[in-house]
Amino acid sequence: MDSCDHCNSPVSEKFVRVFAVDSGEVLACPNCTANVGIAEVAMRRARET
């Protein structure tokens, strides 16, 4: 299972597919960052595609 590079918490493959940077790194997960930040990244990426 993949893990967050910041806090080492496990993350699902689906989370990695959506929130990892291009290199596959997960810089933050719900355990170490506010869900609001994750939502903002998701909206920004949706606009970019």
PDB file of N, CA and C in Angstrom:
ATOM      1  N   MET A   1       0.841  -1.179   0.000  1.00  0.00           N
ATOM      2  CA  MET A   1       0.000   0.000   0.000  1.00  0.00           C
ATOM      3  C   MET A   1       0.886   1.243   0.000  1.00  0.00           C
ATOM      4  N   ASP A   2       0.455   2.252  -0.718  1.00  0.00           N
ATOM      5  CA  ASP A   2       1.182   3.517  -0.773  1.00  0.00           C
ATOM      6  C   ASP A   2       1.029   4.270   0.539  1.00  0.00           C
ATOM      7  N   SER A   3       1.925   5.233   0.743  1.00  0.00           N
ATOM      8  CA  SER A   3       1.841   6.026   1.969  1.00  0.00           C
ATOM      9  C   SER A   3       2.163   7.488   1.683  1.00  0.00           C
ATOM     10  N   CYS A   4       1.726   8.334   2.589  1.00  0.00           N
ATOM     11  CA  CYS A   4       1.964   9.772   2.513  1.00  0.00           C
ATOM     12  C   CYS A   4       3.448  10.036   2.759  1.00  0.00           C
ATOM     13  N   ASP A   5       4.061  10.846   1.919  1.00  0.00           N
ATOM     14  CA  ASP A   5       5.477  11.164   2.091  1.00  0.00           C
ATOM     15  C   ASP A   5       5.714  12.086   3.282  1.00  0.00           C
ATOM     16  N   HIS A   6       4.684  12.766   3.731  1.00  0.00           N
ATOM     17  CA  HIS A   6       4.833  13.702   4.857  1.00  0.00           C
ATOM     18  C   HIS A   6       4.709  13.003   6.204  1.00  0.00           C
ATOM     19  N   CYS A   7       3.656  12.192   6.403  1.00  0.00           N
ATOM     20  CA  CYS A   7       3.410  11.587   7.716  1.00  0.00           C
ATOM     21  C   CYS A   7       3.507  10.067   7.710  1.00  0.00           C
ATOM     22  N   ASN A   8       3.706   9.478   6.534  1.00  0.00           N
ATOM     23  CA  ASN A   8       3.852   8.036   6.370  1.00  0.00           C
ATOM     24  C   ASN A   8       2.571   7.240   6.636  1.00  0.00           C
ATOM     25  N   SER A   9       1.423   7.894   6.668  1.00  0.00           N
ATOM     26  CA  SER A   9       0.144   7.198   6.823  1.00  0.00           C
ATOM     27  C   SER A   9      -0.206   6.492   5.520  1.00  0.00           C
ATOM     28  N   PRO A  10      -0.846   5.344   5.603  1.00  0.00           N
ATOM     29  CA  PRO A  10      -1.236   4.648   4.375  1.00  0.00           C
ATOM     30  C   PRO A  10      -2.316   5.414   3.611  1.00  0.00           C
ATOM     31  N   VAL A  11      -2.238   5.371   2.296  1.00  0.00           N
ATOM     32  CA  VAL A  11      -3.248   5.977   1.427  1.00  0.00           C
ATOM     33  C   VAL A  11      -3.632   4.961   0.362  1.00  0.00           C
ATOM     34  N   SER A  12      -4.854   5.040  -0.096  1.00  0.00           N
ATOM     35  CA  SER A  12      -5.343   4.083  -1.086  1.00  0.00           C
ATOM     36  C   SER A  12      -4.776   4.387  -2.475  1.00  0.00           C
ATOM     37  N   GLU A  13      -4.856   3.402  -3.344  1.00  0.00           N
ATOM     38  CA  GLU A  13      -4.416   3.597  -4.726  1.00  0.00           C
ATOM     39  C   GLU A  13      -5.239   4.687  -5.398  1.00  0.00           C
ATOM     40  N   LYS A  14      -6.527   4.739  -5.070  1.00  0.00           N
ATOM     41  CA  LYS A  14      -7.401   5.770  -5.632  1.00  0.00           C
ATOM     42  C   LYS A  14      -6.941   7.162  -5.186  1.00  0.00           C
ATOM     43  N   PHE A  15      -6.580   7.301  -3.914  1.00  0.00           N
ATOM     44  CA  PHE A  15      -6.086   8.585  -3.420  1.00  0.00           C
ATOM     45  C   PHE A  15      -4.818   8.982  -4.168  1.00  0.00           C
ATOM     46  N   VAL A  16      -3.918   8.047  -4.360  1.00  0.00           N
ATOM     47  CA  VAL A  16      -2.677   8.322  -5.085  1.00  0.00           C
ATOM     48  C   VAL A  16      -2.984   8.752  -6.511  1.00  0.00           C
ATOM     49  N   ARG A  17      -3.898   8.060  -7.174  1.00  0.00           N
ATOM     50  CA  ARG A  17      -4.263   8.399  -8.561  1.00  0.00           C
ATOM     51  C   ARG A  17      -4.774   9.830  -8.666  1.00  0.00           C
ATOM     52  N   VAL A  18      -5.517  10.279  -7.661  1.00  0.00           N
ATOM     53  CA  VAL A  18      -6.131  11.607  -7.723  1.00  0.00           C
ATOM     54  C   VAL A  18      -5.202  12.703  -7.219  1.00  0.00           C
ATOM     55  N   PHE A  19      -4.465  12.447  -6.122  1.00  0.00           N
ATOM     56  CA  PHE A  19      -3.757  13.532  -5.449  1.00  0.00           C
ATOM     57  C   PHE A  19      -2.239  13.495  -5.534  1.00  0.00           C
ATOM     58  N   ALA A  20      -1.651  12.458  -6.073  1.00  0.00           N
ATOM     59  CA  ALA A  20      -0.191  12.409  -6.163  1.00  0.00           C
ATOM     60  C   ALA A  20       0.308  13.394  -7.215  1.00  0.00           C
ATOM     61  N   VAL A  21       1.512  13.884  -7.003  1.00  0.00           N
ATOM     62  CA  VAL A  21       2.140  14.736  -8.012  1.00  0.00           C
ATOM     63  C   VAL A  21       2.578  13.847  -9.172  1.00  0.00           C
ATOM     64  N   ASP A  22       3.044  14.437 -10.240  1.00  0.00           N
ATOM     65  CA  ASP A  22       3.385  13.687 -11.447  1.00  0.00           C
ATOM     66  C   ASP A  22       4.379  12.552 -11.194  1.00  0.00           C
ATOM     67  N   SER A  23       5.256  12.719 -10.219  1.00  0.00           N
ATOM     68  CA  SER A  23       6.243  11.684  -9.919  1.00  0.00           C
ATOM     69  C   SER A  23       5.660  10.538  -9.103  1.00  0.00           C
ATOM     70  N   GLY A  24       4.379  10.662  -8.686  1.00  0.00           N
ATOM     71  CA  GLY A  24       3.735   9.614  -7.905  1.00  0.00           C
ATOM     72  C   GLY A  24       3.809   9.824  -6.407  1.00  0.00           C
ATOM     73  N   GLU A  25       4.461  10.893  -5.978  1.00  0.00           N
ATOM     74  CA  GLU A  25       4.580  11.179  -4.553  1.00  0.00           C
ATOM     75  C   GLU A  25       3.286  11.760  -3.995  1.00  0.00           C
ATOM     76  N   VAL A  26       2.928  11.336  -2.810  1.00  0.00           N
ATOM     77  CA  VAL A  26       1.785  11.906  -2.100  1.00  0.00           C
ATOM     78  C   VAL A  26       2.360  12.854  -1.053  1.00  0.00           C
ATOM     79  N   LEU A  27       2.261  14.153  -1.310  1.00  0.00           N
ATOM     80  CA  LEU A  27       2.882  15.139  -0.435  1.00  0.00           C
ATOM     81  C   LEU A  27       2.096  15.389   0.833  1.00  0.00           C
ATOM     82  N   ALA A  28       0.813  15.097   0.824  1.00  0.00           N
ATOM     83  CA  ALA A  28      -0.029  15.271   2.006  1.00  0.00           C
ATOM     84  C   ALA A  28      -1.250  14.369   1.876  1.00  0.00           C
ATOM     85  N   CYS A  29      -1.784  13.973   3.014  1.00  0.00           N
ATOM     86  CA  CYS A  29      -2.957  13.111   3.040  1.00  0.00           C
ATOM     87  C   CYS A  29      -3.982  13.695   4.010  1.00  0.00           C
ATOM     88  N   PRO A  30      -5.155  13.125   4.104  1.00  0.00           N
ATOM     89  CA  PRO A  30      -6.164  13.655   5.032  1.00  0.00           C
ATOM     90  C   PRO A  30      -5.713  13.650   6.490  1.00  0.00           C
ATOM     91  N   ASN A  31      -4.763  12.797   6.840  1.00  0.00           N
ATOM     92  CA  ASN A  31      -4.290  12.752   8.223  1.00  0.00           C
ATOM     93  C   ASN A  31      -3.369  13.911   8.572  1.00  0.00           C
ATOM     94  N   CYS A  32      -2.718  14.521   7.617  1.00  0.00           N
ATOM     95  CA  CYS A  32      -1.741  15.562   7.946  1.00  0.00           C
ATOM     96  C   CYS A  32      -2.044  16.919   7.314  1.00  0.00           C
ATOM     97  N   THR A  33      -3.176  17.046   6.654  1.00  0.00           N
ATOM     98  CA  THR A  33      -3.553  18.333   6.086  1.00  0.00           C
ATOM     99  C   THR A  33      -5.069  18.485   6.142  1.00  0.00           C
ATOM    100  N   ALA A  34      -5.522  19.693   6.060  1.00  0.00           N
ATOM    101  CA  ALA A  34      -6.968  19.947   6.096  1.00  0.00           C
ATOM    102  C   ALA A  34      -7.631  19.436   4.823  1.00  0.00           C
ATOM    103  N   ASN A  35      -8.808  18.873   4.951  1.00  0.00           N
ATOM    104  CA  ASN A  35      -9.541  18.403   3.778  1.00  0.00           C
ATOM    105  C   ASN A  35      -9.852  19.530   2.815  1.00  0.00           C
ATOM    106  N   VAL A  36      -9.936  20.735   3.305  1.00  0.00           N
ATOM    107  CA  VAL A  36     -10.178  21.881   2.435  1.00  0.00           C
ATOM    108  C   VAL A  36      -9.048  22.013   1.423  1.00  0.00           C
ATOM    109  N   GLY A  37      -7.808  21.822   1.860  1.00  0.00           N
ATOM    110  CA  GLY A  37      -6.670  21.906   0.954  1.00  0.00           C
ATOM    111  C   GLY A  37      -6.722  20.843  -0.118  1.00  0.00           C
ATOM    112  N   ILE A  38      -7.133  19.645   0.248  1.00  0.00           N
ATOM    113  CA  ILE A  38      -7.255  18.566  -0.721  1.00  0.00           C
ATOM    114  C   ILE A  38      -8.326  18.906  -1.747  1.00  0.00           C
ATOM    115  N   ALA A  39      -9.442  19.441  -1.305  1.00  0.00           N
ATOM    116  CA  ALA A  39     -10.512  19.816  -2.224  1.00  0.00           C
ATOM    117  C   ALA A  39     -10.047  20.899  -3.194  1.00  0.00           C
ATOM    118  N   GLU A  40      -9.262  21.858  -2.703  1.00  0.00           N
ATOM    119  CA  GLU A  40      -8.758  22.919  -3.574  1.00  0.00           C
ATOM    120  C   GLU A  40      -7.844  22.347  -4.653  1.00  0.00           C
ATOM    121  N   VAL A  41      -6.994  21.416  -4.290  1.00  0.00           N
ATOM    122  CA  VAL A  41      -6.110  20.799  -5.271  1.00  0.00           C
ATOM    123  C   VAL A  41      -6.928  20.036  -6.301  1.00  0.00           C
ATOM    124  N   ALA A  42      -7.928  19.307  -5.867  1.00  0.00           N
ATOM    125  CA  ALA A  42      -8.775  18.547  -6.789  1.00  0.00           C
ATOM    126  C   ALA A  42      -9.479  19.479  -7.778  1.00  0.00           C
ATOM    127  N   MET A  43      -9.979  20.586  -7.299  1.00  0.00           N
ATOM    128  CA  MET A  43     -10.671  21.535  -8.199  1.00  0.00           C
ATOM    129  C   MET A  43      -9.679  22.144  -9.175  1.00  0.00           C
ATOM    130  N   ARG A  44      -8.486  22.499  -8.715  1.00  0.00           N
ATOM    131  CA  ARG A  44      -7.480  23.091  -9.604  1.00  0.00           C
ATOM    132  C   ARG A  44      -7.067  22.104 -10.680  1.00  0.00           C
ATOM    133  N   ARG A  45      -6.844  20.845 -10.294  1.00  0.00           N
ATOM    134  CA  ARG A  45      -6.446  19.836 -11.282  1.00  0.00           C
ATOM    135  C   ARG A  45      -7.565  19.558 -12.284  1.00  0.00           C
ATOM    136  N   ALA A  46      -8.801  19.615 -11.821  1.00  0.00           N
ATOM    137  CA  ALA A  46      -9.927  19.384 -12.724  1.00  0.00           C
ATOM    138  C   ALA A  46      -9.991  20.470 -13.790  1.00  0.00           C
ATOM    139  N   ARG A  47      -9.665  21.694 -13.413  1.00  0.00           N
ATOM    140  CA  ARG A  47      -9.654  22.802 -14.381  1.00  0.00           C
ATOM    141  C   ARG A  47      -8.517  22.664 -15.385  1.00  0.00           C
ATOM    142  N   GLU A  48      -7.408  22.060 -14.949  1.00  0.00           N
ATOM    143  CA  GLU A  48      -6.223  21.930 -15.809  1.00  0.00           C
ATOM    144  C   GLU A  48      -6.391  20.877 -16.886  1.00  0.00           C
ATOM    145  N   THR A  49      -7.300  19.923 -16.679  1.00  0.00           N
ATOM    146  CA  THR A  49      -7.449  18.840 -17.666  1.00  0.00           C
ATOM    147  C   THR A  49      -8.521  19.123 -18.668  1.00  0.00           C
TER     148      THR A  49
END
